[in-house]
Amino acid sequence: ELRRGERALSAFLVLLFLWLHSWRRLFECFYVSVFSNAMIHVVQYCFGLVYYVLVGLTVLSQAPMDGSHVYVIGKNPLMQARWFHILGMMMFIWSSVHQYKCHVILGNLRKNKAGTVIHCNHRIPFGDWFEHVSSPNYLAELMIYLSMAVTFGFHNVTWWLVVTYVFFNQALSAFLNHRFYQSKFVSYPKHRKAFLPFLF
C-alpha cells in the first residue's frame, strides 16, 4: 500500500499530465493539424467535454483524504517521489513527443514547404511510428494513459478501467482508419498494422 504522500504526488502528477496533454492538443488543433470540411456531431463534442471533466474528477477521487480534507503533498515532493513516478513521467514525455511528431506528419501532408495549406486530400503518411502502424497518434494516446497508470504505481484499479476504455476506443478508431487507407490506396504498405506494431 502506497503512503499518503506518494499517493498525493501520483494524483498531482497525473493531473499535471492531463493539463499538459490538453494544452498541447489545443495548440495542435490551432497550429499543427489540418482538418477536412467534415463537422463533428454535437453529441460527440458534448461527450468529449463531459469525458475530460469526468477523467479529471476520477484523478481527484484517487487523492488520499486526511479526515475531511484532501491530503496535500508535503513540503518536499522530491522526497515522496518513487521509481514509478519517474518512469511514468518519462513514458508520458516519450509518448507525447511521438504523438506530436505524428500530428506534424499528418498536418504536413496537406501543406506545401512554406507551411501553407494547399489541399484537404488524404495521402499516405510516412515516418516515425507510421512505419509500423496506420494510426500511431492513437497508439501514443494509449501510451499516454498507460504512463498515468504507471505514475499511480500500477495498482490503481479505477485508472486501469480508464485505460481499458481508451484502449478499445482508440483500437476501434485505428481499425476503421486502417481499413479506409487500405481501400483508398492500392499501394498502401502491406506490413503496416492498424494499431499495435506487428500484432493488430
N, C-alpha and C. Protein backbone atom coordinates (compact mmCIF):
# COMPACT_ATOMS: atom_id res chain seq x y z
N GLU A 1 0.85 -1.19 0.00
CA GLU A 1 0.00 0.00 0.00
C GLU A 1 0.88 1.24 0.00
N LEU A 2 0.58 2.16 -0.91
CA LEU A 2 1.37 3.38 -1.01
C LEU A 2 1.06 4.31 0.16
N ARG A 3 2.07 5.03 0.61
CA ARG A 3 1.87 6.02 1.65
C ARG A 3 1.11 7.20 1.10
N ARG A 4 0.50 7.98 2.01
CA ARG A 4 -0.35 9.08 1.56
C ARG A 4 0.42 10.10 0.73
N GLY A 5 1.66 10.39 1.10
CA GLY A 5 2.45 11.35 0.34
C GLY A 5 2.71 10.89 -1.08
N GLU A 6 2.98 9.59 -1.24
CA GLU A 6 3.22 9.02 -2.57
C GLU A 6 1.95 9.06 -3.41
N ARG A 7 0.82 8.73 -2.78
CA ARG A 7 -0.46 8.75 -3.49
C ARG A 7 -0.85 10.17 -3.88
N ALA A 8 -0.59 11.13 -3.00
CA ALA A 8 -0.89 12.53 -3.31
C ALA A 8 -0.04 13.01 -4.47
N LEU A 9 1.24 12.62 -4.48
CA LEU A 9 2.13 13.02 -5.57
C LEU A 9 1.68 12.38 -6.88
N SER A 10 1.24 11.12 -6.83
CA SER A 10 0.73 10.44 -8.03
C SER A 10 -0.45 11.20 -8.61
N ALA A 11 -1.42 11.55 -7.75
CA ALA A 11 -2.61 12.27 -8.22
C ALA A 11 -2.22 13.63 -8.79
N PHE A 12 -1.29 14.33 -8.14
CA PHE A 12 -0.85 15.63 -8.63
C PHE A 12 -0.19 15.51 -10.00
N LEU A 13 0.70 14.52 -10.15
CA LEU A 13 1.41 14.35 -11.42
C LEU A 13 0.45 13.98 -12.55
N VAL A 14 -0.50 13.10 -12.27
CA VAL A 14 -1.45 12.70 -13.32
C VAL A 14 -2.32 13.89 -13.73
N LEU A 15 -2.74 14.70 -12.76
CA LEU A 15 -3.49 15.91 -13.10
C LEU A 15 -2.64 16.86 -13.95
N LEU A 16 -1.35 16.97 -13.59
CA LEU A 16 -0.43 17.81 -14.36
C LEU A 16 -0.29 17.27 -15.79
N PHE A 17 -0.16 15.95 -15.92
CA PHE A 17 -0.03 15.32 -17.24
C PHE A 17 -1.28 15.61 -18.09
N LEU A 18 -2.46 15.46 -17.49
CA LEU A 18 -3.71 15.72 -18.22
C LEU A 18 -3.79 17.17 -18.66
N TRP A 19 -3.36 18.08 -17.79
CA TRP A 19 -3.37 19.51 -18.11
C TRP A 19 -2.43 19.81 -19.28
N LEU A 20 -1.22 19.27 -19.20
CA LEU A 20 -0.24 19.48 -20.27
C LEU A 20 -0.73 18.86 -21.58
N HIS A 21 -1.28 17.67 -21.48
CA HIS A 21 -1.79 16.96 -22.66
C HIS A 21 -2.90 17.77 -23.34
N SER A 22 -3.81 18.31 -22.54
CA SER A 22 -4.93 19.09 -23.08
C SER A 22 -4.43 20.36 -23.77
N TRP A 23 -3.48 21.05 -23.14
CA TRP A 23 -2.96 22.27 -23.74
C TRP A 23 -2.17 22.00 -25.01
N ARG A 24 -1.43 20.88 -25.04
CA ARG A 24 -0.69 20.54 -26.26
C ARG A 24 -1.65 20.22 -27.39
N ARG A 25 -2.68 19.46 -27.09
CA ARG A 25 -3.66 19.11 -28.13
C ARG A 25 -4.38 20.36 -28.64
N LEU A 26 -4.66 21.31 -27.74
CA LEU A 26 -5.29 22.56 -28.17
C LEU A 26 -4.36 23.33 -29.11
N PHE A 27 -3.07 23.37 -28.76
CA PHE A 27 -2.07 24.03 -29.61
C PHE A 27 -2.03 23.37 -30.98
N GLU A 28 -2.05 22.03 -31.00
CA GLU A 28 -2.00 21.30 -32.27
C GLU A 28 -3.24 21.57 -33.12
N CYS A 29 -4.39 21.69 -32.48
CA CYS A 29 -5.62 21.97 -33.22
C CYS A 29 -5.54 23.32 -33.95
N PHE A 30 -4.90 24.28 -33.33
CA PHE A 30 -4.80 25.63 -33.91
C PHE A 30 -3.63 25.77 -34.90
N TYR A 31 -2.50 25.11 -34.61
CA TYR A 31 -1.28 25.41 -35.35
C TYR A 31 -0.64 24.24 -36.10
N VAL A 32 -1.09 23.01 -35.87
CA VAL A 32 -0.43 21.85 -36.47
C VAL A 32 -1.37 21.09 -37.40
N SER A 33 -2.50 20.67 -36.87
CA SER A 33 -3.43 19.82 -37.62
C SER A 33 -4.13 20.60 -38.73
N VAL A 34 -4.43 19.90 -39.81
CA VAL A 34 -5.22 20.46 -40.91
C VAL A 34 -6.45 19.57 -41.07
N PHE A 35 -7.59 20.11 -40.72
CA PHE A 35 -8.81 19.31 -40.72
C PHE A 35 -9.55 19.43 -42.04
N SER A 36 -10.29 18.38 -42.37
CA SER A 36 -11.13 18.42 -43.57
C SER A 36 -12.39 19.23 -43.27
N ASN A 37 -13.29 19.29 -44.23
CA ASN A 37 -14.52 20.07 -44.06
C ASN A 37 -15.58 19.35 -43.24
N ALA A 38 -15.31 18.11 -42.86
CA ALA A 38 -16.28 17.34 -42.07
C ALA A 38 -16.48 17.99 -40.70
N MET A 39 -17.71 17.96 -40.21
CA MET A 39 -18.04 18.56 -38.93
C MET A 39 -18.28 17.47 -37.89
N ILE A 40 -17.80 17.70 -36.68
CA ILE A 40 -18.06 16.76 -35.59
C ILE A 40 -19.51 16.93 -35.14
N HIS A 41 -20.14 15.81 -34.81
CA HIS A 41 -21.52 15.86 -34.35
C HIS A 41 -21.56 16.49 -32.96
N VAL A 42 -22.62 17.24 -32.68
CA VAL A 42 -22.74 17.95 -31.40
C VAL A 42 -22.72 16.97 -30.21
N VAL A 43 -23.26 15.76 -30.43
CA VAL A 43 -23.26 14.75 -29.36
C VAL A 43 -21.83 14.32 -29.04
N GLN A 44 -21.01 14.12 -30.09
CA GLN A 44 -19.61 13.76 -29.89
C GLN A 44 -18.86 14.88 -29.16
N TYR A 45 -19.15 16.11 -29.55
CA TYR A 45 -18.50 17.27 -28.92
C TYR A 45 -18.84 17.33 -27.43
N CYS A 46 -20.11 17.18 -27.11
CA CYS A 46 -20.55 17.22 -25.71
C CYS A 46 -19.96 16.05 -24.92
N PHE A 47 -19.91 14.87 -25.55
CA PHE A 47 -19.33 13.70 -24.89
C PHE A 47 -17.87 13.97 -24.55
N GLY A 48 -17.13 14.59 -25.48
CA GLY A 48 -15.73 14.91 -25.24
C GLY A 48 -15.55 15.84 -24.05
N LEU A 49 -16.40 16.85 -23.95
CA LEU A 49 -16.32 17.79 -22.83
C LEU A 49 -16.60 17.08 -21.50
N VAL A 50 -17.66 16.28 -21.48
CA VAL A 50 -18.02 15.54 -20.26
C VAL A 50 -16.93 14.54 -19.90
N TYR A 51 -16.37 13.88 -20.92
CA TYR A 51 -15.33 12.87 -20.69
C TYR A 51 -14.14 13.47 -19.95
N TYR A 52 -13.63 14.62 -20.41
CA TYR A 52 -12.45 15.19 -19.79
C TYR A 52 -12.73 15.72 -18.39
N VAL A 53 -13.94 16.21 -18.16
CA VAL A 53 -14.32 16.62 -16.80
C VAL A 53 -14.34 15.40 -15.87
N LEU A 54 -14.93 14.30 -16.36
CA LEU A 54 -15.02 13.08 -15.55
C LEU A 54 -13.65 12.46 -15.31
N VAL A 55 -12.76 12.52 -16.30
CA VAL A 55 -11.41 11.99 -16.12
C VAL A 55 -10.68 12.79 -15.04
N GLY A 56 -10.81 14.11 -15.07
CA GLY A 56 -10.20 14.94 -14.03
C GLY A 56 -10.75 14.62 -12.65
N LEU A 57 -12.07 14.44 -12.55
CA LEU A 57 -12.68 14.09 -11.27
C LEU A 57 -12.25 12.70 -10.82
N THR A 58 -12.04 11.80 -11.78
CA THR A 58 -11.56 10.45 -11.45
C THR A 58 -10.19 10.52 -10.78
N VAL A 59 -9.31 11.37 -11.32
CA VAL A 59 -7.98 11.53 -10.72
C VAL A 59 -8.11 12.11 -9.33
N LEU A 60 -8.93 13.15 -9.17
CA LEU A 60 -9.12 13.78 -7.85
C LEU A 60 -9.66 12.79 -6.83
N SER A 61 -10.52 11.87 -7.30
CA SER A 61 -11.08 10.89 -6.38
C SER A 61 -10.03 9.90 -5.86
N GLN A 62 -8.88 9.85 -6.54
CA GLN A 62 -7.81 8.95 -6.12
C GLN A 62 -6.85 9.60 -5.13
N ALA A 63 -7.02 10.91 -4.90
CA ALA A 63 -6.17 11.62 -3.94
C ALA A 63 -6.53 11.17 -2.53
N PRO A 64 -5.53 10.92 -1.68
CA PRO A 64 -5.80 10.46 -0.32
C PRO A 64 -6.50 11.54 0.51
N MET A 65 -7.38 11.10 1.38
CA MET A 65 -8.11 12.01 2.25
C MET A 65 -7.50 11.99 3.65
N ASP A 66 -7.38 13.16 4.24
CA ASP A 66 -6.88 13.28 5.61
C ASP A 66 -8.05 13.80 6.44
N GLY A 67 -8.84 12.91 6.99
CA GLY A 67 -10.07 13.31 7.65
C GLY A 67 -11.07 13.74 6.60
N SER A 68 -11.50 14.99 6.68
CA SER A 68 -12.46 15.51 5.70
C SER A 68 -11.78 16.35 4.63
N HIS A 69 -10.45 16.38 4.64
CA HIS A 69 -9.71 17.19 3.68
C HIS A 69 -8.81 16.31 2.81
N VAL A 70 -8.56 16.78 1.59
CA VAL A 70 -7.64 16.08 0.69
C VAL A 70 -6.23 16.25 1.22
N TYR A 71 -5.50 15.15 1.30
CA TYR A 71 -4.12 15.20 1.78
C TYR A 71 -3.25 15.93 0.76
N VAL A 72 -2.50 16.92 1.23
CA VAL A 72 -1.65 17.72 0.36
C VAL A 72 -0.23 17.20 0.42
N ILE A 73 0.47 17.28 -0.71
CA ILE A 73 1.87 16.83 -0.77
C ILE A 73 2.69 17.60 0.25
N GLY A 74 3.61 16.91 0.88
CA GLY A 74 4.48 17.54 1.88
C GLY A 74 5.35 18.64 1.29
N LYS A 75 6.16 19.27 2.14
CA LYS A 75 6.97 20.41 1.72
C LYS A 75 7.99 20.06 0.65
N ASN A 76 8.50 18.83 0.66
CA ASN A 76 9.49 18.43 -0.32
C ASN A 76 8.96 17.26 -1.14
N PRO A 77 8.30 17.56 -2.29
CA PRO A 77 7.72 16.48 -3.10
C PRO A 77 8.75 15.49 -3.62
N LEU A 78 10.01 15.94 -3.80
CA LEU A 78 11.05 15.04 -4.30
C LEU A 78 11.30 13.89 -3.33
N MET A 79 11.08 14.15 -2.05
CA MET A 79 11.27 13.09 -1.05
C MET A 79 10.15 12.05 -1.14
N GLN A 80 9.01 12.42 -1.73
CA GLN A 80 7.89 11.50 -1.88
C GLN A 80 8.01 10.69 -3.17
N ALA A 81 8.84 11.16 -4.10
CA ALA A 81 8.92 10.54 -5.43
C ALA A 81 9.50 9.12 -5.33
N ARG A 82 8.91 8.23 -6.11
CA ARG A 82 9.36 6.85 -6.19
C ARG A 82 9.69 6.52 -7.64
N TRP A 83 10.24 5.34 -7.86
CA TRP A 83 10.67 4.96 -9.20
C TRP A 83 9.55 5.00 -10.22
N PHE A 84 8.32 4.65 -9.79
CA PHE A 84 7.21 4.62 -10.75
C PHE A 84 6.77 6.03 -11.14
N HIS A 85 7.01 7.03 -10.28
CA HIS A 85 6.74 8.41 -10.65
C HIS A 85 7.69 8.84 -11.78
N ILE A 86 8.96 8.49 -11.64
CA ILE A 86 9.97 8.84 -12.65
C ILE A 86 9.68 8.11 -13.96
N LEU A 87 9.40 6.80 -13.87
CA LEU A 87 9.11 6.01 -15.06
C LEU A 87 7.87 6.54 -15.77
N GLY A 88 6.82 6.84 -15.00
CA GLY A 88 5.59 7.37 -15.58
C GLY A 88 5.82 8.70 -16.28
N MET A 89 6.64 9.56 -15.68
CA MET A 89 6.94 10.85 -16.30
C MET A 89 7.73 10.68 -17.59
N MET A 90 8.69 9.77 -17.60
CA MET A 90 9.47 9.51 -18.81
C MET A 90 8.59 8.95 -19.92
N MET A 91 7.69 8.03 -19.56
CA MET A 91 6.76 7.45 -20.55
C MET A 91 5.83 8.52 -21.11
N PHE A 92 5.37 9.41 -20.24
CA PHE A 92 4.46 10.48 -20.68
C PHE A 92 5.15 11.39 -21.69
N ILE A 93 6.37 11.81 -21.37
CA ILE A 93 7.12 12.70 -22.27
C ILE A 93 7.39 12.00 -23.60
N TRP A 94 7.85 10.75 -23.53
CA TRP A 94 8.17 9.97 -24.74
C TRP A 94 6.95 9.81 -25.63
N SER A 95 5.82 9.43 -25.04
CA SER A 95 4.59 9.22 -25.81
C SER A 95 4.08 10.54 -26.39
N SER A 96 4.16 11.60 -25.62
CA SER A 96 3.67 12.91 -26.08
C SER A 96 4.50 13.43 -27.24
N VAL A 97 5.82 13.24 -27.17
CA VAL A 97 6.70 13.67 -28.26
C VAL A 97 6.35 12.94 -29.55
N HIS A 98 6.12 11.63 -29.45
CA HIS A 98 5.79 10.85 -30.65
C HIS A 98 4.40 11.21 -31.19
N GLN A 99 3.46 11.48 -30.31
CA GLN A 99 2.14 11.88 -30.79
C GLN A 99 2.23 13.22 -31.51
N TYR A 100 3.00 14.14 -30.97
CA TYR A 100 3.18 15.44 -31.62
C TYR A 100 3.83 15.27 -33.00
N LYS A 101 4.88 14.43 -33.08
CA LYS A 101 5.55 14.18 -34.36
C LYS A 101 4.56 13.62 -35.39
N CYS A 102 3.71 12.70 -34.96
CA CYS A 102 2.74 12.09 -35.87
C CYS A 102 1.72 13.12 -36.36
N HIS A 103 1.29 14.01 -35.48
CA HIS A 103 0.35 15.05 -35.89
C HIS A 103 1.01 16.03 -36.85
N VAL A 104 2.29 16.31 -36.65
CA VAL A 104 3.03 17.18 -37.58
C VAL A 104 3.11 16.52 -38.96
N ILE A 105 3.41 15.22 -38.98
CA ILE A 105 3.49 14.48 -40.25
C ILE A 105 2.15 14.53 -40.98
N LEU A 106 1.06 14.29 -40.25
CA LEU A 106 -0.27 14.33 -40.86
C LEU A 106 -0.61 15.73 -41.37
N GLY A 107 -0.29 16.74 -40.58
CA GLY A 107 -0.56 18.11 -40.99
C GLY A 107 0.22 18.51 -42.23
N ASN A 108 1.49 18.08 -42.29
CA ASN A 108 2.35 18.43 -43.42
C ASN A 108 1.91 17.80 -44.73
N LEU A 109 1.14 16.72 -44.67
CA LEU A 109 0.63 16.09 -45.89
C LEU A 109 -0.30 17.03 -46.66
N ARG A 110 -0.83 18.02 -45.98
CA ARG A 110 -1.78 18.94 -46.61
C ARG A 110 -1.20 20.35 -46.76
N LYS A 111 0.12 20.47 -46.55
CA LYS A 111 0.77 21.78 -46.66
C LYS A 111 1.91 21.72 -47.68
N ASN A 112 2.29 22.89 -48.19
CA ASN A 112 3.49 22.95 -49.04
C ASN A 112 4.71 23.21 -48.16
N LYS A 113 5.87 23.35 -48.76
CA LYS A 113 7.11 23.52 -47.99
C LYS A 113 7.13 24.81 -47.19
N ALA A 114 6.32 25.77 -47.60
CA ALA A 114 6.25 27.05 -46.87
C ALA A 114 5.29 26.97 -45.68
N GLY A 115 4.60 25.83 -45.55
CA GLY A 115 3.67 25.66 -44.43
C GLY A 115 2.26 26.12 -44.72
N THR A 116 1.96 26.41 -45.98
CA THR A 116 0.62 26.85 -46.36
C THR A 116 -0.25 25.65 -46.75
N VAL A 117 -1.46 25.62 -46.22
CA VAL A 117 -2.39 24.54 -46.55
C VAL A 117 -2.79 24.64 -48.02
N ILE A 118 -2.59 23.57 -48.77
CA ILE A 118 -2.87 23.59 -50.21
C ILE A 118 -4.00 22.65 -50.61
N HIS A 119 -4.36 21.71 -49.74
CA HIS A 119 -5.48 20.82 -50.05
C HIS A 119 -5.91 20.09 -48.76
N CYS A 120 -7.01 19.38 -48.84
CA CYS A 120 -7.50 18.60 -47.69
C CYS A 120 -7.67 17.12 -48.06
N ASN A 121 -6.90 16.69 -49.08
CA ASN A 121 -6.97 15.30 -49.51
C ASN A 121 -6.22 14.38 -48.56
N HIS A 122 -6.58 13.09 -48.62
CA HIS A 122 -5.87 12.09 -47.82
C HIS A 122 -4.68 11.57 -48.61
N ARG A 123 -3.55 11.43 -47.94
CA ARG A 123 -2.36 10.84 -48.53
C ARG A 123 -1.76 9.86 -47.54
N ILE A 124 -0.86 9.00 -48.03
CA ILE A 124 -0.23 8.00 -47.16
C ILE A 124 0.88 8.66 -46.34
N PRO A 125 0.76 8.62 -45.01
CA PRO A 125 1.82 9.20 -44.18
C PRO A 125 2.99 8.23 -44.01
N PHE A 126 4.20 8.79 -43.92
CA PHE A 126 5.41 8.01 -43.67
C PHE A 126 6.23 8.70 -42.59
N GLY A 127 7.06 7.92 -41.92
CA GLY A 127 7.95 8.47 -40.90
C GLY A 127 7.50 8.14 -39.50
N ASP A 128 8.44 8.18 -38.57
CA ASP A 128 8.21 7.91 -37.15
C ASP A 128 7.43 6.60 -36.98
N TRP A 129 6.41 6.58 -36.13
CA TRP A 129 5.67 5.35 -35.87
C TRP A 129 4.76 4.95 -37.03
N PHE A 130 4.60 5.83 -38.03
CA PHE A 130 3.79 5.47 -39.20
C PHE A 130 4.42 4.31 -39.98
N GLU A 131 5.70 4.06 -39.77
CA GLU A 131 6.36 2.94 -40.44
C GLU A 131 5.85 1.60 -39.92
N HIS A 132 5.18 1.60 -38.78
CA HIS A 132 4.72 0.35 -38.16
C HIS A 132 3.20 0.22 -38.09
N VAL A 133 2.50 1.34 -37.85
CA VAL A 133 1.04 1.29 -37.71
C VAL A 133 0.39 2.44 -38.46
N SER A 134 -0.88 2.26 -38.79
CA SER A 134 -1.63 3.27 -39.55
C SER A 134 -2.02 4.47 -38.70
N SER A 135 -2.22 4.24 -37.40
CA SER A 135 -2.67 5.31 -36.52
C SER A 135 -1.78 5.42 -35.28
N PRO A 136 -0.53 5.83 -35.47
CA PRO A 136 0.37 5.93 -34.32
C PRO A 136 -0.05 7.01 -33.32
N ASN A 137 -0.82 8.00 -33.80
CA ASN A 137 -1.32 9.01 -32.86
C ASN A 137 -2.29 8.40 -31.86
N TYR A 138 -3.06 7.40 -32.30
CA TYR A 138 -3.96 6.69 -31.38
C TYR A 138 -3.17 5.78 -30.44
N LEU A 139 -2.13 5.14 -30.96
CA LEU A 139 -1.27 4.32 -30.12
C LEU A 139 -0.59 5.18 -29.05
N ALA A 140 -0.13 6.37 -29.45
CA ALA A 140 0.51 7.28 -28.49
C ALA A 140 -0.47 7.72 -27.41
N GLU A 141 -1.73 7.90 -27.80
CA GLU A 141 -2.76 8.27 -26.82
C GLU A 141 -2.90 7.19 -25.76
N LEU A 142 -2.92 5.93 -26.20
CA LEU A 142 -2.97 4.82 -25.26
C LEU A 142 -1.74 4.82 -24.36
N MET A 143 -0.57 5.05 -24.94
CA MET A 143 0.68 5.07 -24.16
C MET A 143 0.67 6.20 -23.13
N ILE A 144 0.07 7.32 -23.48
CA ILE A 144 -0.03 8.44 -22.53
C ILE A 144 -0.87 8.03 -21.32
N TYR A 145 -1.99 7.35 -21.56
CA TYR A 145 -2.82 6.91 -20.45
C TYR A 145 -2.14 5.78 -19.66
N LEU A 146 -1.38 4.94 -20.35
CA LEU A 146 -0.61 3.92 -19.65
C LEU A 146 0.45 4.56 -18.74
N SER A 147 1.05 5.66 -19.21
CA SER A 147 2.05 6.35 -18.40
C SER A 147 1.44 6.85 -17.09
N MET A 148 0.17 7.23 -17.16
CA MET A 148 -0.51 7.69 -15.95
C MET A 148 -0.81 6.53 -15.00
N ALA A 149 -1.12 5.36 -15.57
CA ALA A 149 -1.32 4.17 -14.75
C ALA A 149 -0.03 3.82 -14.02
N VAL A 150 1.10 3.95 -14.72
CA VAL A 150 2.40 3.71 -14.10
C VAL A 150 2.65 4.73 -12.98
N THR A 151 2.30 5.99 -13.24
CA THR A 151 2.51 7.05 -12.25
C THR A 151 1.70 6.79 -10.98
N PHE A 152 0.54 6.13 -11.14
CA PHE A 152 -0.26 5.75 -9.98
C PHE A 152 0.33 4.56 -9.23
N GLY A 153 1.43 4.00 -9.75
CA GLY A 153 2.07 2.88 -9.08
C GLY A 153 1.53 1.53 -9.51
N PHE A 154 0.89 1.46 -10.67
CA PHE A 154 0.37 0.23 -11.27
C PHE A 154 -0.86 -0.35 -10.58
N HIS A 155 -1.11 0.02 -9.33
CA HIS A 155 -2.11 -0.70 -8.54
C HIS A 155 -3.51 -0.10 -8.62
N ASN A 156 -3.66 1.06 -9.26
CA ASN A 156 -4.93 1.79 -9.22
C ASN A 156 -5.95 1.17 -10.19
N VAL A 157 -6.89 0.41 -9.64
CA VAL A 157 -7.88 -0.30 -10.44
C VAL A 157 -8.76 0.67 -11.22
N THR A 158 -9.15 1.78 -10.58
CA THR A 158 -10.01 2.76 -11.23
C THR A 158 -9.35 3.30 -12.50
N TRP A 159 -8.06 3.62 -12.42
CA TRP A 159 -7.39 4.17 -13.59
C TRP A 159 -7.19 3.11 -14.67
N TRP A 160 -7.03 1.84 -14.27
CA TRP A 160 -6.91 0.78 -15.28
C TRP A 160 -8.22 0.63 -16.05
N LEU A 161 -9.35 0.95 -15.44
CA LEU A 161 -10.63 0.94 -16.16
C LEU A 161 -10.65 2.05 -17.21
N VAL A 162 -10.07 3.22 -16.86
CA VAL A 162 -9.96 4.31 -17.83
C VAL A 162 -9.06 3.87 -18.99
N VAL A 163 -7.93 3.23 -18.67
CA VAL A 163 -7.01 2.75 -19.70
C VAL A 163 -7.70 1.75 -20.62
N THR A 164 -8.50 0.86 -20.04
CA THR A 164 -9.22 -0.14 -20.83
C THR A 164 -10.18 0.53 -21.80
N TYR A 165 -10.90 1.55 -21.33
CA TYR A 165 -11.80 2.29 -22.22
C TYR A 165 -11.01 2.94 -23.36
N VAL A 166 -9.90 3.60 -23.02
CA VAL A 166 -9.08 4.27 -24.04
C VAL A 166 -8.55 3.25 -25.05
N PHE A 167 -8.14 2.08 -24.57
CA PHE A 167 -7.63 1.04 -25.46
C PHE A 167 -8.67 0.66 -26.51
N PHE A 168 -9.88 0.30 -26.08
CA PHE A 168 -10.90 -0.15 -27.02
C PHE A 168 -11.36 0.98 -27.93
N ASN A 169 -11.47 2.19 -27.39
CA ASN A 169 -11.88 3.34 -28.18
C ASN A 169 -10.87 3.65 -29.29
N GLN A 170 -9.59 3.69 -28.91
CA GLN A 170 -8.54 4.01 -29.88
C GLN A 170 -8.31 2.86 -30.85
N ALA A 171 -8.43 1.62 -30.37
CA ALA A 171 -8.25 0.46 -31.25
C ALA A 171 -9.32 0.42 -32.33
N LEU A 172 -10.57 0.71 -31.97
CA LEU A 172 -11.65 0.72 -32.95
C LEU A 172 -11.42 1.82 -33.99
N SER A 173 -11.06 3.02 -33.52
CA SER A 173 -10.78 4.13 -34.44
C SER A 173 -9.63 3.79 -35.37
N ALA A 174 -8.58 3.17 -34.82
CA ALA A 174 -7.41 2.81 -35.63
C ALA A 174 -7.77 1.74 -36.67
N PHE A 175 -8.59 0.77 -36.28
CA PHE A 175 -9.01 -0.28 -37.21
C PHE A 175 -9.80 0.31 -38.38
N LEU A 176 -10.74 1.22 -38.08
CA LEU A 176 -11.53 1.85 -39.14
C LEU A 176 -10.64 2.72 -40.03
N ASN A 177 -9.68 3.39 -39.44
CA ASN A 177 -8.73 4.21 -40.18
C ASN A 177 -7.89 3.35 -41.12
N HIS A 178 -7.44 2.20 -40.60
CA HIS A 178 -6.62 1.26 -41.37
C HIS A 178 -7.39 0.73 -42.57
N ARG A 179 -8.65 0.36 -42.34
CA ARG A 179 -9.50 -0.14 -43.43
C ARG A 179 -9.69 0.94 -44.50
N PHE A 180 -9.84 2.19 -44.07
CA PHE A 180 -10.02 3.30 -45.01
C PHE A 180 -8.77 3.45 -45.89
N TYR A 181 -7.59 3.45 -45.26
CA TYR A 181 -6.34 3.57 -46.01
C TYR A 181 -6.20 2.44 -47.02
N GLN A 182 -6.51 1.22 -46.59
CA GLN A 182 -6.36 0.06 -47.46
C GLN A 182 -7.32 0.12 -48.65
N SER A 183 -8.51 0.63 -48.42
CA SER A 183 -9.50 0.71 -49.50
C SER A 183 -9.21 1.86 -50.47
N LYS A 184 -8.58 2.91 -49.97
CA LYS A 184 -8.34 4.09 -50.79
C LYS A 184 -7.04 4.01 -51.59
N PHE A 185 -6.01 3.34 -51.02
CA PHE A 185 -4.70 3.32 -51.65
C PHE A 185 -4.28 1.88 -51.96
N VAL A 186 -4.16 1.57 -53.23
CA VAL A 186 -3.73 0.23 -53.65
C VAL A 186 -2.29 -0.03 -53.21
N SER A 187 -1.49 1.02 -53.17
CA SER A 187 -0.07 0.89 -52.82
C SER A 187 0.20 1.02 -51.32
N TYR A 188 -0.87 0.92 -50.52
CA TYR A 188 -0.68 1.09 -49.07
C TYR A 188 0.24 -0.01 -48.53
N PRO A 189 1.24 0.34 -47.70
CA PRO A 189 2.21 -0.65 -47.19
C PRO A 189 1.55 -1.87 -46.55
N LYS A 190 1.89 -3.05 -47.04
CA LYS A 190 1.27 -4.29 -46.57
C LYS A 190 1.69 -4.66 -45.15
N HIS A 191 2.90 -4.25 -44.76
CA HIS A 191 3.42 -4.66 -43.45
C HIS A 191 2.83 -3.85 -42.29
N ARG A 192 2.18 -2.74 -42.61
CA ARG A 192 1.64 -1.89 -41.55
C ARG A 192 0.45 -2.52 -40.87
N LYS A 193 0.45 -2.46 -39.55
CA LYS A 193 -0.69 -2.92 -38.78
C LYS A 193 -1.58 -1.71 -38.47
N ALA A 194 -2.75 -1.95 -37.92
CA ALA A 194 -3.69 -0.87 -37.64
C ALA A 194 -3.29 -0.07 -36.40
N PHE A 195 -2.95 -0.77 -35.31
CA PHE A 195 -2.83 -0.10 -34.02
C PHE A 195 -1.61 -0.51 -33.22
N LEU A 196 -1.39 -1.82 -33.11
CA LEU A 196 -0.28 -2.33 -32.32
C LEU A 196 0.79 -2.92 -33.26
N PRO A 197 2.01 -2.44 -33.21
CA PRO A 197 3.07 -2.91 -34.12
C PRO A 197 3.19 -4.43 -34.10
N PHE A 198 3.22 -5.04 -35.29
CA PHE A 198 3.44 -6.47 -35.50
C PHE A 198 2.29 -7.35 -35.04
N LEU A 199 1.24 -6.77 -34.39
CA LEU A 199 0.18 -7.57 -33.83
C LEU A 199 -1.19 -7.31 -34.44
N PHE A 200 -1.63 -6.04 -34.38
CA PHE A 200 -3.01 -5.72 -34.81
C PHE A 200 -3.03 -4.35 -35.50
